[in-house]
Amino acid sequence: MIDIVGKKWAICVVTFLGRHGALRFGPIQRSLPGVSPATLTSTLRALEREALVRRVRVAKDLRSPHAYELTDAGATLYRSLLPLANWLRRA
């Protein structure tokens, strides 16, 4: 678990989904300048394997009919990261 959440993009994804709720791949990628599509895909899959993120259906007629959202465990992790994020903003 530490190997997963200790990675830069994993924390960024968890934080972004915690703030904004369920989102499709494109908006997540646009919100994280510098992350490649392959890296974001790998990060999302790793977070799914650890049951921190899940895919949810958003529509049948879209090319990509699913979005990503935090699980209960992911939401707990997000709330745990908030004090650290606030500390970093002040530093």
N, C-alpha and C. Protein backbone atom coordinates (compact mmCIF):
# COMPACT_ATOMS: atom_id res chain seq x y z
N MET A 1 0.83 -1.19 0.00
CA MET A 1 0.00 0.00 0.00
C MET A 1 0.87 1.25 0.00
N ILE A 2 1.92 1.26 0.81
CA ILE A 2 2.80 2.42 0.86
C ILE A 2 3.45 2.66 -0.50
N ASP A 3 3.80 1.58 -1.19
CA ASP A 3 4.38 1.73 -2.52
C ASP A 3 3.44 2.46 -3.47
N ILE A 4 2.15 2.22 -3.32
CA ILE A 4 1.16 2.85 -4.20
C ILE A 4 0.92 4.30 -3.80
N VAL A 5 0.50 4.53 -2.57
CA VAL A 5 0.14 5.89 -2.17
C VAL A 5 1.35 6.79 -1.97
N GLY A 6 2.53 6.21 -1.91
CA GLY A 6 3.73 7.01 -1.79
C GLY A 6 4.19 7.63 -3.10
N LYS A 7 3.54 7.28 -4.18
CA LYS A 7 3.92 7.82 -5.49
C LYS A 7 3.21 9.14 -5.73
N LYS A 8 3.92 10.04 -6.35
CA LYS A 8 3.43 11.40 -6.58
C LYS A 8 2.05 11.43 -7.23
N TRP A 9 1.87 10.73 -8.29
CA TRP A 9 0.61 10.83 -9.03
C TRP A 9 -0.53 10.18 -8.28
N ALA A 10 -0.26 9.16 -7.49
CA ALA A 10 -1.34 8.51 -6.73
C ALA A 10 -1.93 9.50 -5.73
N ILE A 11 -1.09 10.21 -5.02
CA ILE A 11 -1.58 11.19 -4.06
C ILE A 11 -2.33 12.30 -4.77
N CYS A 12 -1.84 12.73 -5.91
CA CYS A 12 -2.51 13.77 -6.69
C CYS A 12 -3.89 13.31 -7.14
N VAL A 13 -4.00 12.08 -7.61
CA VAL A 13 -5.28 11.55 -8.08
C VAL A 13 -6.26 11.44 -6.92
N VAL A 14 -5.82 10.88 -5.81
CA VAL A 14 -6.69 10.74 -4.64
C VAL A 14 -7.17 12.11 -4.17
N THR A 15 -6.28 13.06 -4.11
CA THR A 15 -6.65 14.41 -3.68
C THR A 15 -7.63 15.05 -4.65
N PHE A 16 -7.39 14.92 -5.94
CA PHE A 16 -8.27 15.52 -6.92
C PHE A 16 -9.66 14.90 -6.89
N LEU A 17 -9.73 13.57 -6.83
CA LEU A 17 -11.03 12.91 -6.77
C LEU A 17 -11.74 13.21 -5.44
N GLY A 18 -10.98 13.36 -4.38
CA GLY A 18 -11.57 13.73 -3.10
C GLY A 18 -12.22 15.10 -3.14
N ARG A 19 -11.60 16.02 -3.85
CA ARG A 19 -12.15 17.37 -3.97
C ARG A 19 -13.32 17.45 -4.93
N HIS A 20 -13.28 16.68 -6.02
CA HIS A 20 -14.22 16.88 -7.12
C HIS A 20 -15.21 15.74 -7.34
N GLY A 21 -15.04 14.63 -6.68
CA GLY A 21 -15.96 13.51 -6.88
C GLY A 21 -15.63 12.73 -8.14
N ALA A 22 -16.59 11.97 -8.63
CA ALA A 22 -16.39 11.09 -9.78
C ALA A 22 -16.08 11.90 -11.04
N LEU A 23 -15.02 11.50 -11.74
CA LEU A 23 -14.60 12.18 -12.97
C LEU A 23 -14.11 11.16 -13.99
N ARG A 24 -14.27 11.52 -15.24
CA ARG A 24 -13.74 10.69 -16.32
C ARG A 24 -12.24 10.94 -16.47
N PHE A 25 -11.61 10.11 -17.26
CA PHE A 25 -10.16 10.12 -17.44
C PHE A 25 -9.66 11.49 -17.92
N GLY A 26 -10.29 12.05 -18.95
CA GLY A 26 -9.82 13.31 -19.54
C GLY A 26 -9.71 14.45 -18.54
N PRO A 27 -10.76 14.74 -17.77
CA PRO A 27 -10.65 15.81 -16.78
C PRO A 27 -9.58 15.55 -15.72
N ILE A 28 -9.41 14.29 -15.35
CA ILE A 28 -8.35 13.98 -14.38
C ILE A 28 -7.00 14.32 -14.98
N GLN A 29 -6.77 13.88 -16.22
CA GLN A 29 -5.48 14.13 -16.86
C GLN A 29 -5.23 15.62 -17.04
N ARG A 30 -6.24 16.37 -17.45
CA ARG A 30 -6.07 17.82 -17.64
C ARG A 30 -5.77 18.54 -16.33
N SER A 31 -6.22 17.98 -15.23
CA SER A 31 -5.98 18.62 -13.94
C SER A 31 -4.59 18.35 -13.40
N LEU A 32 -3.87 17.41 -14.00
CA LEU A 32 -2.54 17.03 -13.52
C LEU A 32 -1.50 17.28 -14.61
N PRO A 33 -1.09 18.52 -14.79
CA PRO A 33 -0.11 18.80 -15.84
C PRO A 33 1.16 17.98 -15.63
N GLY A 34 1.62 17.40 -16.68
CA GLY A 34 2.86 16.64 -16.62
C GLY A 34 2.67 15.13 -16.55
N VAL A 35 1.47 14.66 -16.26
CA VAL A 35 1.26 13.22 -16.21
C VAL A 35 0.91 12.73 -17.61
N SER A 36 1.56 11.66 -18.03
CA SER A 36 1.27 11.09 -19.34
C SER A 36 0.03 10.20 -19.23
N PRO A 37 -0.65 9.97 -20.34
CA PRO A 37 -1.80 9.06 -20.31
C PRO A 37 -1.43 7.67 -19.77
N ALA A 38 -0.29 7.17 -20.16
CA ALA A 38 0.13 5.83 -19.70
C ALA A 38 0.37 5.82 -18.19
N THR A 39 0.99 6.86 -17.68
CA THR A 39 1.25 6.93 -16.24
C THR A 39 -0.05 7.07 -15.46
N LEU A 40 -0.97 7.89 -15.96
CA LEU A 40 -2.26 8.05 -15.28
C LEU A 40 -3.04 6.74 -15.30
N THR A 41 -3.04 6.05 -16.43
CA THR A 41 -3.71 4.75 -16.52
C THR A 41 -3.12 3.78 -15.52
N SER A 42 -1.82 3.71 -15.45
CA SER A 42 -1.14 2.82 -14.52
C SER A 42 -1.48 3.18 -13.07
N THR A 43 -1.50 4.46 -12.77
CA THR A 43 -1.81 4.92 -11.42
C THR A 43 -3.24 4.57 -11.04
N LEU A 44 -4.19 4.84 -11.95
CA LEU A 44 -5.59 4.51 -11.67
C LEU A 44 -5.78 3.01 -11.47
N ARG A 45 -5.11 2.20 -12.27
CA ARG A 45 -5.22 0.75 -12.13
C ARG A 45 -4.65 0.28 -10.80
N ALA A 46 -3.52 0.86 -10.40
CA ALA A 46 -2.92 0.50 -9.11
C ALA A 46 -3.85 0.90 -7.96
N LEU A 47 -4.45 2.07 -8.05
CA LEU A 47 -5.38 2.50 -7.01
C LEU A 47 -6.63 1.63 -6.98
N GLU A 48 -7.06 1.15 -8.15
CA GLU A 48 -8.19 0.21 -8.21
C GLU A 48 -7.82 -1.11 -7.53
N ARG A 49 -6.63 -1.63 -7.81
CA ARG A 49 -6.19 -2.89 -7.21
C ARG A 49 -6.16 -2.80 -5.69
N GLU A 50 -5.83 -1.62 -5.17
CA GLU A 50 -5.77 -1.42 -3.72
C GLU A 50 -7.12 -1.01 -3.14
N ALA A 51 -8.16 -1.00 -3.98
CA ALA A 51 -9.53 -0.67 -3.56
C ALA A 51 -9.65 0.75 -3.01
N LEU A 52 -8.86 1.68 -3.56
CA LEU A 52 -8.96 3.08 -3.18
C LEU A 52 -9.79 3.87 -4.19
N VAL A 53 -9.84 3.37 -5.42
CA VAL A 53 -10.59 4.00 -6.51
C VAL A 53 -11.41 2.91 -7.19
N ARG A 54 -12.58 3.27 -7.68
CA ARG A 54 -13.39 2.33 -8.45
C ARG A 54 -13.92 3.05 -9.69
N ARG A 55 -14.21 2.24 -10.71
CA ARG A 55 -14.84 2.79 -11.91
C ARG A 55 -16.34 2.67 -11.76
N VAL A 56 -17.03 3.74 -12.17
CA VAL A 56 -18.50 3.75 -12.12
C VAL A 56 -19.02 4.12 -13.50
N ARG A 57 -20.18 3.58 -13.85
CA ARG A 57 -20.81 3.90 -15.13
C ARG A 57 -21.43 5.27 -15.06
N VAL A 58 -21.22 6.07 -16.13
CA VAL A 58 -21.84 7.40 -16.18
C VAL A 58 -22.81 7.55 -17.34
N ALA A 59 -22.62 6.79 -18.41
CA ALA A 59 -23.53 6.88 -19.56
C ALA A 59 -23.28 5.71 -20.49
N LYS A 60 -24.31 5.36 -21.24
CA LYS A 60 -24.18 4.26 -22.20
C LYS A 60 -23.70 4.73 -23.56
N ASP A 61 -23.97 5.97 -23.92
CA ASP A 61 -23.70 6.42 -25.28
C ASP A 61 -22.36 7.14 -25.45
N LEU A 62 -21.55 7.20 -24.42
CA LEU A 62 -20.25 7.86 -24.52
C LEU A 62 -19.18 6.87 -24.97
N ARG A 63 -18.14 7.40 -25.57
CA ARG A 63 -17.03 6.55 -25.98
C ARG A 63 -16.38 5.91 -24.75
N SER A 64 -16.27 6.66 -23.68
CA SER A 64 -15.73 6.15 -22.43
C SER A 64 -16.84 6.26 -21.37
N PRO A 65 -17.63 5.19 -21.20
CA PRO A 65 -18.84 5.30 -20.38
C PRO A 65 -18.60 5.19 -18.87
N HIS A 66 -17.39 5.36 -18.41
CA HIS A 66 -17.17 5.25 -16.98
C HIS A 66 -16.35 6.42 -16.45
N ALA A 67 -16.45 6.59 -15.16
CA ALA A 67 -15.69 7.60 -14.45
C ALA A 67 -14.99 6.91 -13.28
N TYR A 68 -14.13 7.64 -12.63
CA TYR A 68 -13.42 7.11 -11.47
C TYR A 68 -13.87 7.88 -10.25
N GLU A 69 -14.04 7.16 -9.14
CA GLU A 69 -14.38 7.81 -7.88
C GLU A 69 -13.67 7.09 -6.74
N LEU A 70 -13.56 7.77 -5.62
CA LEU A 70 -12.93 7.16 -4.45
C LEU A 70 -13.89 6.16 -3.81
N THR A 71 -13.33 5.09 -3.33
CA THR A 71 -14.08 4.15 -2.50
C THR A 71 -14.13 4.73 -1.08
N ASP A 72 -14.77 4.03 -0.17
CA ASP A 72 -14.76 4.48 1.23
C ASP A 72 -13.34 4.54 1.77
N ALA A 73 -12.53 3.54 1.42
CA ALA A 73 -11.13 3.54 1.86
C ALA A 73 -10.37 4.71 1.24
N GLY A 74 -10.64 5.00 -0.03
CA GLY A 74 -10.00 6.13 -0.69
C GLY A 74 -10.41 7.45 -0.07
N ALA A 75 -11.68 7.57 0.32
CA ALA A 75 -12.15 8.79 0.98
C ALA A 75 -11.49 8.95 2.34
N THR A 76 -11.28 7.86 3.04
CA THR A 76 -10.57 7.91 4.33
C THR A 76 -9.14 8.37 4.12
N LEU A 77 -8.48 7.84 3.09
CA LEU A 77 -7.12 8.28 2.77
C LEU A 77 -7.12 9.77 2.43
N TYR A 78 -8.06 10.21 1.64
CA TYR A 78 -8.14 11.64 1.28
C TYR A 78 -8.26 12.51 2.53
N ARG A 79 -9.15 12.15 3.44
CA ARG A 79 -9.31 12.94 4.67
C ARG A 79 -8.03 12.92 5.50
N SER A 80 -7.29 11.82 5.44
CA SER A 80 -6.02 11.73 6.17
C SER A 80 -4.95 12.61 5.54
N LEU A 81 -5.03 12.83 4.24
CA LEU A 81 -4.05 13.65 3.53
C LEU A 81 -4.30 15.16 3.70
N LEU A 82 -5.50 15.54 4.07
CA LEU A 82 -5.83 16.97 4.17
C LEU A 82 -4.91 17.76 5.11
N PRO A 83 -4.61 17.27 6.31
CA PRO A 83 -3.70 18.04 7.16
C PRO A 83 -2.32 18.22 6.53
N LEU A 84 -1.82 17.20 5.86
CA LEU A 84 -0.54 17.31 5.18
C LEU A 84 -0.61 18.33 4.06
N ALA A 85 -1.67 18.30 3.26
CA ALA A 85 -1.84 19.26 2.17
C ALA A 85 -1.91 20.68 2.72
N ASN A 86 -2.63 20.88 3.80
CA ASN A 86 -2.72 22.22 4.40
C ASN A 86 -1.37 22.68 4.92
N TRP A 87 -0.62 21.77 5.52
CA TRP A 87 0.72 22.11 6.01
C TRP A 87 1.63 22.51 4.84
N LEU A 88 1.55 21.76 3.75
CA LEU A 88 2.39 22.06 2.59
C LEU A 88 2.05 23.43 1.99
N ARG A 89 0.78 23.80 1.99
CA ARG A 89 0.39 25.11 1.46
C ARG A 89 0.97 26.25 2.29
N ARG A 90 1.08 26.03 3.59
CA ARG A 90 1.61 27.08 4.47
C ARG A 90 3.11 27.14 4.45
N ALA A 91 3.77 26.05 4.08
CA ALA A 91 5.24 25.98 4.11
C ALA A 91 5.86 26.81 3.00
